All heavy atoms as atom14 arrays in JSON, in Angstrom:
{
  "sequence": "HNVRNTVYLEMNNLEPEDTAVYYCNANGYLARRGAYNYWGQGTQVTV",
  "atom14_mask": [
    [1, 1, 1, 1, 1, 1, 1, 1, 1, 1, 0, 0, 0, 0],
    [1, 1, 1, 1, 1, 1, 1, 1, 0, 0, 0, 0, 0, 0],
    [1, 1, 1, 1, 1, 1, 1, 0, 0, 0, 0, 0, 0, 0],
    [1, 1, 1, 1, 1, 1, 1, 1, 1, 1, 1, 0, 0, 0],
    [1, 1, 1, 1, 1, 1, 1, 1, 0, 0, 0, 0, 0, 0],
    [1, 1, 1, 1, 1, 1, 1, 0, 0, 0, 0, 0, 0, 0],
    [1, 1, 1, 1, 1, 1, 1, 0, 0, 0, 0, 0, 0, 0],
    [1, 1, 1, 1, 1, 1, 1, 1, 1, 1, 1, 1, 0, 0],
    [1, 1, 1, 1, 1, 1, 1, 1, 0, 0, 0, 0, 0, 0],
    [1, 1, 1, 1, 1, 1, 1, 1, 1, 0, 0, 0, 0, 0],
    [1, 1, 1, 1, 1, 1, 1, 1, 0, 0, 0, 0, 0, 0],
    [1, 1, 1, 1, 1, 1, 1, 1, 0, 0, 0, 0, 0, 0],
    [1, 1, 1, 1, 1, 1, 1, 1, 0, 0, 0, 0, 0, 0],
    [1, 1, 1, 1, 1, 1, 1, 1, 0, 0, 0, 0, 0, 0],
    [1, 1, 1, 1, 1, 1, 1, 1, 1, 0, 0, 0, 0, 0],
    [1, 1, 1, 1, 1, 1, 1, 0, 0, 0, 0, 0, 0, 0],
    [1, 1, 1, 1, 1, 1, 1, 1, 1, 0, 0, 0, 0, 0],
    [1, 1, 1, 1, 1, 1, 1, 1, 0, 0, 0, 0, 0, 0],
    [1, 1, 1, 1, 1, 1, 1, 0, 0, 0, 0, 0, 0, 0],
    [1, 1, 1, 1, 1, 0, 0, 0, 0, 0, 0, 0, 0, 0],
    [1, 1, 1, 1, 1, 1, 1, 0, 0, 0, 0, 0, 0, 0],
    [1, 1, 1, 1, 1, 1, 1, 1, 1, 1, 1, 1, 0, 0],
    [1, 1, 1, 1, 1, 1, 1, 1, 1, 1, 1, 1, 0, 0],
    [1, 1, 1, 1, 1, 1, 0, 0, 0, 0, 0, 0, 0, 0],
    [1, 1, 1, 1, 1, 1, 1, 1, 0, 0, 0, 0, 0, 0],
    [1, 1, 1, 1, 1, 0, 0, 0, 0, 0, 0, 0, 0, 0],
    [1, 1, 1, 1, 1, 1, 1, 1, 0, 0, 0, 0, 0, 0],
    [1, 1, 1, 1, 0, 0, 0, 0, 0, 0, 0, 0, 0, 0],
    [1, 1, 1, 1, 1, 1, 1, 1, 1, 1, 1, 1, 0, 0],
    [1, 1, 1, 1, 1, 1, 1, 1, 0, 0, 0, 0, 0, 0],
    [1, 1, 1, 1, 1, 0, 0, 0, 0, 0, 0, 0, 0, 0],
    [1, 1, 1, 1, 1, 1, 1, 1, 1, 1, 1, 0, 0, 0],
    [1, 1, 1, 1, 1, 1, 1, 1, 1, 1, 1, 0, 0, 0],
    [1, 1, 1, 1, 0, 0, 0, 0, 0, 0, 0, 0, 0, 0],
    [1, 1, 1, 1, 1, 0, 0, 0, 0, 0, 0, 0, 0, 0],
    [1, 1, 1, 1, 1, 1, 1, 1, 1, 1, 1, 1, 0, 0],
    [1, 1, 1, 1, 1, 1, 1, 1, 0, 0, 0, 0, 0, 0],
    [1, 1, 1, 1, 1, 1, 1, 1, 1, 1, 1, 1, 0, 0],
    [1, 1, 1, 1, 1, 1, 1, 1, 1, 1, 1, 1, 1, 1],
    [1, 1, 1, 1, 0, 0, 0, 0, 0, 0, 0, 0, 0, 0],
    [1, 1, 1, 1, 1, 1, 1, 1, 1, 0, 0, 0, 0, 0],
    [1, 1, 1, 1, 0, 0, 0, 0, 0, 0, 0, 0, 0, 0],
    [1, 1, 1, 1, 1, 1, 1, 0, 0, 0, 0, 0, 0, 0],
    [1, 1, 1, 1, 1, 1, 1, 1, 1, 0, 0, 0, 0, 0],
    [1, 1, 1, 1, 1, 1, 1, 0, 0, 0, 0, 0, 0, 0],
    [1, 1, 1, 1, 1, 1, 1, 0, 0, 0, 0, 0, 0, 0],
    [1, 1, 1, 1, 1, 1, 1, 0, 0, 0, 0, 0, 0, 0]
  ],
  "atom14_positions": [
    [[-15.19, 56.16, 15.25], [-14.34, 57.06, 16.01], [-14.18, 56.4, 17.36], [-15.08, 56.43, 18.19], [-15.0, 58.43, 16.14], [-14.09, 59.47, 16.7], [-13.53, 59.39, 17.96], [-13.62, 60.63, 16.16], [-12.78, 60.44, 18.18], [-12.82, 61.21, 17.1], [0.0, 0.0, 0.0], [0.0, 0.0, 0.0], [0.0, 0.0, 0.0], [0.0, 0.0, 0.0]],
    [[-13.04, 55.77, 17.57], [-12.83, 54.93, 18.73], [-12.97, 55.65, 20.07], [-13.61, 55.14, 20.99], [-11.46, 54.25, 18.65], [-11.37, 53.28, 17.49], [-12.34, 52.59, 17.17], [-10.2, 53.21, 16.87], [0.0, 0.0, 0.0], [0.0, 0.0, 0.0], [0.0, 0.0, 0.0], [0.0, 0.0, 0.0], [0.0, 0.0, 0.0], [0.0, 0.0, 0.0]],
    [[-12.34, 56.78, 20.17], [-12.36, 57.51, 21.43], [-13.78, 57.91, 21.81], [-14.15, 57.9, 22.98], [-11.44, 58.74, 21.36], [-11.55, 59.56, 22.64], [-10.0, 58.31, 21.13], [0.0, 0.0, 0.0], [0.0, 0.0, 0.0], [0.0, 0.0, 0.0], [0.0, 0.0, 0.0], [0.0, 0.0, 0.0], [0.0, 0.0, 0.0], [0.0, 0.0, 0.0]],
    [[-14.57, 58.24, 20.83], [-15.92, 58.73, 21.08], [-16.97, 57.63, 21.03], [-18.16, 57.9, 21.22], [-16.27, 59.82, 20.08], [-15.35, 61.03, 20.16], [-15.53, 61.97, 18.99], [-16.85, 62.56, 18.95], [-17.27, 63.39, 18.0], [-16.45, 63.73, 17.01], [-18.5, 63.87, 18.04], [0.0, 0.0, 0.0], [0.0, 0.0, 0.0], [0.0, 0.0, 0.0]],
    [[-16.54, 56.38, 20.78], [-17.49, 55.27, 20.67], [-18.62, 55.61, 19.71], [-19.8, 55.41, 20.01], [-18.05, 54.89, 22.04], [-17.15, 53.93, 22.79], [-16.39, 53.18, 22.2], [-17.26, 53.93, 24.12], [0.0, 0.0, 0.0], [0.0, 0.0, 0.0], [0.0, 0.0, 0.0], [0.0, 0.0, 0.0], [0.0, 0.0, 0.0], [0.0, 0.0, 0.0]],
    [[-18.24, 56.11, 18.58], [-19.18, 56.48, 17.54], [-18.92, 55.65, 16.3], [-17.77, 55.4, 15.95], [-19.05, 57.98, 17.2], [-19.27, 58.76, 18.38], [-20.04, 58.38, 16.13], [0.0, 0.0, 0.0], [0.0, 0.0, 0.0], [0.0, 0.0, 0.0], [0.0, 0.0, 0.0], [0.0, 0.0, 0.0], [0.0, 0.0, 0.0], [0.0, 0.0, 0.0]],
    [[-19.97, 55.22, 15.66], [-19.83, 54.42, 14.45], [-20.67, 55.03, 13.34], [-21.74, 55.6, 13.6], [-20.22, 52.95, 14.71], [-21.7, 52.83, 15.04], [-19.83, 52.07, 13.53], [0.0, 0.0, 0.0], [0.0, 0.0, 0.0], [0.0, 0.0, 0.0], [0.0, 0.0, 0.0], [0.0, 0.0, 0.0], [0.0, 0.0, 0.0], [0.0, 0.0, 0.0]],
    [[-20.18, 54.89, 12.11], [-20.86, 55.45, 10.95], [-21.07, 54.38, 9.91], [-20.36, 53.38, 9.85], [-20.02, 56.58, 10.34], [-19.61, 57.65, 11.32], [-18.38, 57.58, 11.96], [-20.45, 58.72, 11.6], [-18.01, 58.56, 12.86], [-20.08, 59.7, 12.5], [-18.86, 59.61, 13.13], [-18.49, 60.58, 14.03], [0.0, 0.0, 0.0], [0.0, 0.0, 0.0]],
    [[-22.06, 54.6, 9.08], [-22.3, 53.72, 7.96], [-22.59, 54.58, 6.74], [-23.64, 55.2, 6.65], [-23.48, 52.77, 8.23], [-23.74, 51.73, 7.14], [-22.59, 50.72, 7.09], [-25.06, 51.01, 7.37], [0.0, 0.0, 0.0], [0.0, 0.0, 0.0], [0.0, 0.0, 0.0], [0.0, 0.0, 0.0], [0.0, 0.0, 0.0], [0.0, 0.0, 0.0]],
    [[-21.63, 54.62, 5.82], [-21.8, 55.33, 4.57], [-22.44, 54.38, 3.57], [-21.89, 53.32, 3.28], [-20.46, 55.82, 4.05], [-20.52, 56.57, 2.73], [-21.16, 57.93, 2.86], [-20.98, 58.57, 3.92], [-21.82, 58.38, 1.91], [0.0, 0.0, 0.0], [0.0, 0.0, 0.0], [0.0, 0.0, 0.0], [0.0, 0.0, 0.0], [0.0, 0.0, 0.0]],
    [[-23.6, 54.75, 3.08], [-24.35, 53.9, 2.17], [-24.45, 54.58, 0.82], [-24.98, 55.69, 0.71], [-25.74, 53.61, 2.72], [-25.73, 53.0, 4.12], [-27.39, 52.55, 4.7], [-28.12, 54.19, 4.84], [0.0, 0.0, 0.0], [0.0, 0.0, 0.0], [0.0, 0.0, 0.0], [0.0, 0.0, 0.0], [0.0, 0.0, 0.0], [0.0, 0.0, 0.0]],
    [[-23.94, 53.92, -0.2], [-23.97, 54.44, -1.55], [-24.71, 53.49, -2.47], [-24.87, 52.31, -2.17], [-22.54, 54.65, -2.07], [-21.75, 55.63, -1.24], [-22.2, 56.74, -0.98], [-20.56, 55.23, -0.82], [0.0, 0.0, 0.0], [0.0, 0.0, 0.0], [0.0, 0.0, 0.0], [0.0, 0.0, 0.0], [0.0, 0.0, 0.0], [0.0, 0.0, 0.0]],
    [[-25.15, 54.02, -3.59], [-25.88, 53.22, -4.58], [-27.0, 52.42, -3.93], [-27.14, 51.22, -4.15], [-24.92, 52.28, -5.31], [-23.8, 53.01, -6.03], [-22.62, 52.8, -5.77], [-24.18, 53.9, -6.94], [0.0, 0.0, 0.0], [0.0, 0.0, 0.0], [0.0, 0.0, 0.0], [0.0, 0.0, 0.0], [0.0, 0.0, 0.0], [0.0, 0.0, 0.0]],
    [[-27.78, 53.11, -3.16], [-28.85, 52.45, -2.42], [-29.89, 51.84, -3.35], [-30.2, 52.39, -4.41], [-29.51, 53.43, -1.46], [-28.68, 53.74, -0.21], [-29.16, 55.01, 0.46], [-28.75, 52.57, 0.76], [0.0, 0.0, 0.0], [0.0, 0.0, 0.0], [0.0, 0.0, 0.0], [0.0, 0.0, 0.0], [0.0, 0.0, 0.0], [0.0, 0.0, 0.0]],
    [[-30.4, 50.72, -2.93], [-31.39, 49.97, -3.68], [-32.66, 49.81, -2.84], [-32.6, 49.89, -1.61], [-30.84, 48.6, -4.06], [-29.53, 48.65, -4.83], [-28.87, 47.3, -4.97], [-29.35, 46.33, -4.35], [-27.88, 47.2, -5.72], [0.0, 0.0, 0.0], [0.0, 0.0, 0.0], [0.0, 0.0, 0.0], [0.0, 0.0, 0.0], [0.0, 0.0, 0.0]],
    [[-33.8, 49.58, -3.48], [-35.03, 49.37, -2.72], [-34.9, 48.26, -1.68], [-35.53, 48.33, -0.62], [-36.06, 49.01, -3.8], [-35.57, 49.73, -5.01], [-34.07, 49.63, -4.94], [0.0, 0.0, 0.0], [0.0, 0.0, 0.0], [0.0, 0.0, 0.0], [0.0, 0.0, 0.0], [0.0, 0.0, 0.0], [0.0, 0.0, 0.0], [0.0, 0.0, 0.0]],
    [[-34.09, 47.26, -1.98], [-33.87, 46.16, -1.05], [-33.17, 46.58, 0.23], [-33.15, 45.84, 1.21], [-33.06, 45.04, -1.73], [-33.8, 44.32, -2.84], [-33.84, 45.1, -4.14], [-33.12, 46.11, -4.26], [-34.6, 44.7, -5.04], [0.0, 0.0, 0.0], [0.0, 0.0, 0.0], [0.0, 0.0, 0.0], [0.0, 0.0, 0.0], [0.0, 0.0, 0.0]],
    [[-32.58, 47.77, 0.23], [-31.92, 48.27, 1.42], [-32.9, 48.9, 2.4], [-32.51, 49.28, 3.51], [-30.86, 49.31, 1.04], [-29.74, 48.72, 0.21], [-29.27, 47.61, 0.53], [-29.33, 49.38, -0.77], [0.0, 0.0, 0.0], [0.0, 0.0, 0.0], [0.0, 0.0, 0.0], [0.0, 0.0, 0.0], [0.0, 0.0, 0.0], [0.0, 0.0, 0.0]],
    [[-34.13, 49.05, 2.0], [-35.14, 49.64, 2.87], [-35.32, 48.8, 4.13], [-35.59, 47.61, 4.06], [-36.49, 49.76, 2.14], [-36.35, 50.66, 1.04], [-37.57, 50.29, 3.07], [0.0, 0.0, 0.0], [0.0, 0.0, 0.0], [0.0, 0.0, 0.0], [0.0, 0.0, 0.0], [0.0, 0.0, 0.0], [0.0, 0.0, 0.0], [0.0, 0.0, 0.0]],
    [[-35.14, 49.43, 5.27], [-35.22, 48.74, 6.54], [-35.01, 49.73, 7.67], [-34.65, 50.89, 7.44], [-34.16, 47.63, 6.63], [0.0, 0.0, 0.0], [0.0, 0.0, 0.0], [0.0, 0.0, 0.0], [0.0, 0.0, 0.0], [0.0, 0.0, 0.0], [0.0, 0.0, 0.0], [0.0, 0.0, 0.0], [0.0, 0.0, 0.0], [0.0, 0.0, 0.0]],
    [[-35.25, 49.26, 8.87], [-34.83, 50.01, 10.04], [-33.42, 49.57, 10.37], [-33.15, 48.37, 10.5], [-35.76, 49.75, 11.24], [-35.25, 50.5, 12.48], [-37.18, 50.2, 10.91], [0.0, 0.0, 0.0], [0.0, 0.0, 0.0], [0.0, 0.0, 0.0], [0.0, 0.0, 0.0], [0.0, 0.0, 0.0], [0.0, 0.0, 0.0], [0.0, 0.0, 0.0]],
    [[-32.53, 50.52, 10.48], [-31.13, 50.22, 10.75], [-30.83, 50.46, 12.22], [-31.14, 51.52, 12.76], [-30.23, 51.09, 9.87], [-30.17, 50.61, 8.44], [-31.28, 50.74, 7.61], [-29.02, 50.0, 7.93], [-31.25, 50.27, 6.31], [-28.98, 49.54, 6.63], [-30.1, 49.68, 5.82], [-30.05, 49.22, 4.52], [0.0, 0.0, 0.0], [0.0, 0.0, 0.0]],
    [[-30.21, 49.47, 12.83], [-29.92, 49.51, 14.25], [-28.42, 49.52, 14.51], [-27.67, 48.77, 13.91], [-30.51, 48.29, 14.96], [-32.02, 48.21, 14.91], [-32.66, 47.52, 13.89], [-32.8, 48.82, 15.89], [-34.04, 47.44, 13.84], [-34.18, 48.74, 15.85], [-34.79, 48.05, 14.82], [-36.17, 47.96, 14.77], [0.0, 0.0, 0.0], [0.0, 0.0, 0.0]],
    [[-28.03, 50.33, 15.43], [-26.64, 50.38, 15.88], [-26.44, 49.38, 17.01], [-27.33, 49.18, 17.85], [-26.31, 51.79, 16.37], [-24.64, 52.0, 17.02], [0.0, 0.0, 0.0], [0.0, 0.0, 0.0], [0.0, 0.0, 0.0], [0.0, 0.0, 0.0], [0.0, 0.0, 0.0], [0.0, 0.0, 0.0], [0.0, 0.0, 0.0], [0.0, 0.0, 0.0]],
    [[-25.29, 48.75, 17.02], [-24.97, 47.76, 18.03], [-23.56, 47.97, 18.55], [-22.65, 48.31, 17.8], [-25.1, 46.35, 17.45], [-24.57, 45.28, 18.38], [-23.41, 44.87, 18.28], [-25.43, 44.81, 19.27], [0.0, 0.0, 0.0], [0.0, 0.0, 0.0], [0.0, 0.0, 0.0], [0.0, 0.0, 0.0], [0.0, 0.0, 0.0], [0.0, 0.0, 0.0]],
    [[-23.39, 47.76, 19.84], [-22.08, 47.79, 20.47], [-21.93, 46.52, 21.29], [-22.85, 46.14, 22.01], [-21.91, 49.02, 21.35], [0.0, 0.0, 0.0], [0.0, 0.0, 0.0], [0.0, 0.0, 0.0], [0.0, 0.0, 0.0], [0.0, 0.0, 0.0], [0.0, 0.0, 0.0], [0.0, 0.0, 0.0], [0.0, 0.0, 0.0], [0.0, 0.0, 0.0]],
    [[-20.79, 45.88, 21.16], [-20.62, 44.6, 21.83], [-19.19, 44.4, 22.28], [-18.27, 45.06, 21.83], [-21.05, 43.46, 20.9], [-20.27, 43.45, 19.6], [-19.18, 42.89, 19.52], [-20.83, 44.09, 18.57], [0.0, 0.0, 0.0], [0.0, 0.0, 0.0], [0.0, 0.0, 0.0], [0.0, 0.0, 0.0], [0.0, 0.0, 0.0], [0.0, 0.0, 0.0]],
    [[-19.02, 43.45, 23.18], [-17.7, 43.14, 23.67], [-17.75, 42.34, 24.95], [-18.78, 41.76, 25.31], [0.0, 0.0, 0.0], [0.0, 0.0, 0.0], [0.0, 0.0, 0.0], [0.0, 0.0, 0.0], [0.0, 0.0, 0.0], [0.0, 0.0, 0.0], [0.0, 0.0, 0.0], [0.0, 0.0, 0.0], [0.0, 0.0, 0.0], [0.0, 0.0, 0.0]],
    [[-16.62, 42.33, 25.63], [-16.5, 41.55, 26.85], [-15.59, 42.26, 27.84], [-14.51, 42.74, 27.47], [-15.95, 40.16, 26.54], [-15.83, 39.26, 27.74], [-16.91, 38.47, 28.14], [-14.66, 39.19, 28.47], [-16.82, 37.65, 29.24], [-14.56, 38.36, 29.58], [-15.64, 37.6, 29.96], [-15.55, 36.77, 31.06], [0.0, 0.0, 0.0], [0.0, 0.0, 0.0]],
    [[-16.02, 42.31, 29.07], [-15.23, 42.85, 30.16], [-15.1, 41.78, 31.23], [-16.1, 41.15, 31.6], [-15.86, 44.11, 30.75], [-15.9, 45.33, 29.84], [-16.71, 46.44, 30.5], [-14.49, 45.82, 29.53], [0.0, 0.0, 0.0], [0.0, 0.0, 0.0], [0.0, 0.0, 0.0], [0.0, 0.0, 0.0], [0.0, 0.0, 0.0], [0.0, 0.0, 0.0]],
    [[-13.88, 41.58, 31.73], [-13.61, 40.5, 32.67], [-14.51, 40.54, 33.9], [-14.95, 39.51, 34.4], [-12.14, 40.51, 33.07], [0.0, 0.0, 0.0], [0.0, 0.0, 0.0], [0.0, 0.0, 0.0], [0.0, 0.0, 0.0], [0.0, 0.0, 0.0], [0.0, 0.0, 0.0], [0.0, 0.0, 0.0], [0.0, 0.0, 0.0], [0.0, 0.0, 0.0]],
    [[-14.78, 41.72, 34.39], [-15.57, 41.85, 35.61], [-17.05, 42.07, 35.36], [-17.83, 42.2, 36.31], [-15.0, 42.98, 36.48], [-13.54, 42.77, 36.86], [-13.05, 43.81, 37.83], [-13.69, 43.69, 39.14], [-13.4, 44.44, 40.19], [-12.45, 45.37, 40.09], [-14.03, 44.26, 41.33], [0.0, 0.0, 0.0], [0.0, 0.0, 0.0], [0.0, 0.0, 0.0]],
    [[-17.43, 42.12, 34.13], [-18.83, 42.32, 33.77], [-19.4, 41.21, 32.92], [-20.59, 40.93, 32.96], [-19.01, 43.64, 33.04], [-18.96, 44.88, 33.88], [-19.4, 46.07, 33.06], [-20.76, 45.91, 32.55], [-21.31, 46.72, 31.66], [-20.63, 47.75, 31.19], [-22.56, 46.49, 31.24], [0.0, 0.0, 0.0], [0.0, 0.0, 0.0], [0.0, 0.0, 0.0]],
    [[-18.55, 40.6, 32.14], [-19.01, 39.61, 31.19], [-19.31, 40.26, 29.86], [-18.92, 41.4, 29.59], [0.0, 0.0, 0.0], [0.0, 0.0, 0.0], [0.0, 0.0, 0.0], [0.0, 0.0, 0.0], [0.0, 0.0, 0.0], [0.0, 0.0, 0.0], [0.0, 0.0, 0.0], [0.0, 0.0, 0.0], [0.0, 0.0, 0.0], [0.0, 0.0, 0.0]],
    [[-20.01, 39.54, 29.03], [-20.34, 40.05, 27.71], [-21.39, 41.14, 27.79], [-22.27, 41.12, 28.65], [-20.84, 38.91, 26.81], [0.0, 0.0, 0.0], [0.0, 0.0, 0.0], [0.0, 0.0, 0.0], [0.0, 0.0, 0.0], [0.0, 0.0, 0.0], [0.0, 0.0, 0.0], [0.0, 0.0, 0.0], [0.0, 0.0, 0.0], [0.0, 0.0, 0.0]],
    [[-21.29, 42.09, 26.87], [-22.29, 43.13, 26.79], [-22.73, 43.28, 25.34], [-21.99, 42.98, 24.42], [-21.78, 44.46, 27.34], [-20.53, 44.99, 26.65], [-20.62, 45.78, 25.51], [-19.27, 44.72, 27.16], [-19.49, 46.27, 24.89], [-18.13, 45.2, 26.54], [-18.24, 45.98, 25.41], [-17.11, 46.46, 24.79], [0.0, 0.0, 0.0], [0.0, 0.0, 0.0]],
    [[-23.94, 43.75, 25.19], [-24.53, 43.89, 23.87], [-25.6, 44.97, 23.94], [-26.67, 44.76, 24.5], [-25.13, 42.56, 23.41], [-25.45, 42.53, 21.94], [-24.71, 43.05, 21.11], [-26.56, 41.89, 21.59], [0.0, 0.0, 0.0], [0.0, 0.0, 0.0], [0.0, 0.0, 0.0], [0.0, 0.0, 0.0], [0.0, 0.0, 0.0], [0.0, 0.0, 0.0]],
    [[-25.29, 46.13, 23.38], [-26.19, 47.26, 23.44], [-26.79, 47.56, 22.07], [-26.14, 47.35, 21.04], [-25.47, 48.51, 23.94], [-24.82, 48.35, 25.29], [-23.44, 48.47, 25.43], [-25.57, 48.08, 26.42], [-22.83, 48.33, 26.66], [-24.97, 47.94, 27.66], [-23.6, 48.06, 27.78], [-23.0, 47.92, 29.01], [0.0, 0.0, 0.0], [0.0, 0.0, 0.0]],
    [[-28.0, 48.06, 22.09], [-28.72, 48.37, 20.85], [-29.3, 49.77, 20.89], [-29.74, 50.25, 21.93], [-29.87, 47.39, 20.63], [-29.44, 45.99, 20.37], [-29.27, 44.99, 21.28], [-29.13, 45.42, 19.09], [-28.88, 43.84, 20.65], [-28.78, 44.07, 19.31], [-29.12, 45.92, 17.79], [-28.43, 43.22, 18.27], [-28.76, 45.07, 16.76], [-28.42, 43.74, 17.0]],
    [[-29.31, 50.4, 19.74], [-30.01, 51.65, 19.59], [-31.46, 51.4, 19.24], [-31.89, 50.25, 19.08], [0.0, 0.0, 0.0], [0.0, 0.0, 0.0], [0.0, 0.0, 0.0], [0.0, 0.0, 0.0], [0.0, 0.0, 0.0], [0.0, 0.0, 0.0], [0.0, 0.0, 0.0], [0.0, 0.0, 0.0], [0.0, 0.0, 0.0], [0.0, 0.0, 0.0]],
    [[-32.23, 52.46, 19.11], [-33.65, 52.33, 18.82], [-33.95, 52.18, 17.33], [-35.05, 51.8, 16.95], [-34.41, 53.54, 19.37], [-34.41, 53.62, 20.89], [-35.06, 52.41, 21.52], [-36.2, 52.07, 21.21], [-34.32, 51.73, 22.39], [0.0, 0.0, 0.0], [0.0, 0.0, 0.0], [0.0, 0.0, 0.0], [0.0, 0.0, 0.0], [0.0, 0.0, 0.0]],
    [[-32.98, 52.47, 16.5], [-33.14, 52.3, 15.07], [-33.47, 53.58, 14.34], [-34.05, 54.52, 14.91], [0.0, 0.0, 0.0], [0.0, 0.0, 0.0], [0.0, 0.0, 0.0], [0.0, 0.0, 0.0], [0.0, 0.0, 0.0], [0.0, 0.0, 0.0], [0.0, 0.0, 0.0], [0.0, 0.0, 0.0], [0.0, 0.0, 0.0], [0.0, 0.0, 0.0]],
    [[-33.09, 53.62, 13.09], [-33.42, 54.74, 12.21], [-33.91, 54.19, 10.88], [-33.32, 53.26, 10.33], [-32.21, 55.68, 12.03], [-32.6, 56.82, 11.24], [-31.05, 54.98, 11.33], [0.0, 0.0, 0.0], [0.0, 0.0, 0.0], [0.0, 0.0, 0.0], [0.0, 0.0, 0.0], [0.0, 0.0, 0.0], [0.0, 0.0, 0.0], [0.0, 0.0, 0.0]],
    [[-34.98, 54.74, 10.39], [-35.61, 54.23, 9.17], [-34.9, 54.71, 7.93], [-34.63, 55.9, 7.77], [-37.08, 54.66, 9.11], [-37.82, 54.24, 7.84], [-38.05, 52.75, 7.77], [-38.53, 52.15, 8.73], [-37.72, 52.15, 6.62], [0.0, 0.0, 0.0], [0.0, 0.0, 0.0], [0.0, 0.0, 0.0], [0.0, 0.0, 0.0], [0.0, 0.0, 0.0]],
    [[-34.59, 53.78, 7.05], [-34.04, 54.08, 5.73], [-35.02, 53.55, 4.7], [-35.32, 52.36, 4.69], [-32.66, 53.45, 5.52], [-32.2, 53.63, 4.07], [-31.65, 54.06, 6.47], [0.0, 0.0, 0.0], [0.0, 0.0, 0.0], [0.0, 0.0, 0.0], [0.0, 0.0, 0.0], [0.0, 0.0, 0.0], [0.0, 0.0, 0.0], [0.0, 0.0, 0.0]],
    [[-35.51, 54.43, 3.86], [-36.44, 54.05, 2.82], [-35.88, 54.45, 1.47], [-35.59, 55.62, 1.24], [-37.81, 54.7, 3.02], [-38.34, 54.35, 4.3], [-38.79, 54.26, 1.94], [0.0, 0.0, 0.0], [0.0, 0.0, 0.0], [0.0, 0.0, 0.0], [0.0, 0.0, 0.0], [0.0, 0.0, 0.0], [0.0, 0.0, 0.0], [0.0, 0.0, 0.0]],
    [[-35.72, 53.47, 0.6], [-35.2, 53.71, -0.74], [-36.34, 53.49, -1.73], [-36.78, 52.36, -1.95], [-34.03, 52.77, -1.06], [-33.43, 53.13, -2.42], [-32.97, 52.87, 0.03], [0.0, 0.0, 0.0], [0.0, 0.0, 0.0], [0.0, 0.0, 0.0], [0.0, 0.0, 0.0], [0.0, 0.0, 0.0], [0.0, 0.0, 0.0], [0.0, 0.0, 0.0]]
  ]
}
């Protein structure tokens, strides 16, 4: 959702190999700031 800077991940047919901590990332570049790279704290997915 661009206006809200929200991102989603729909996961189907999950497999045990998908088990991990999933992290959200936001990235880009602003002329007066330079590159940016933000991270969330993560959410655990266990299959």
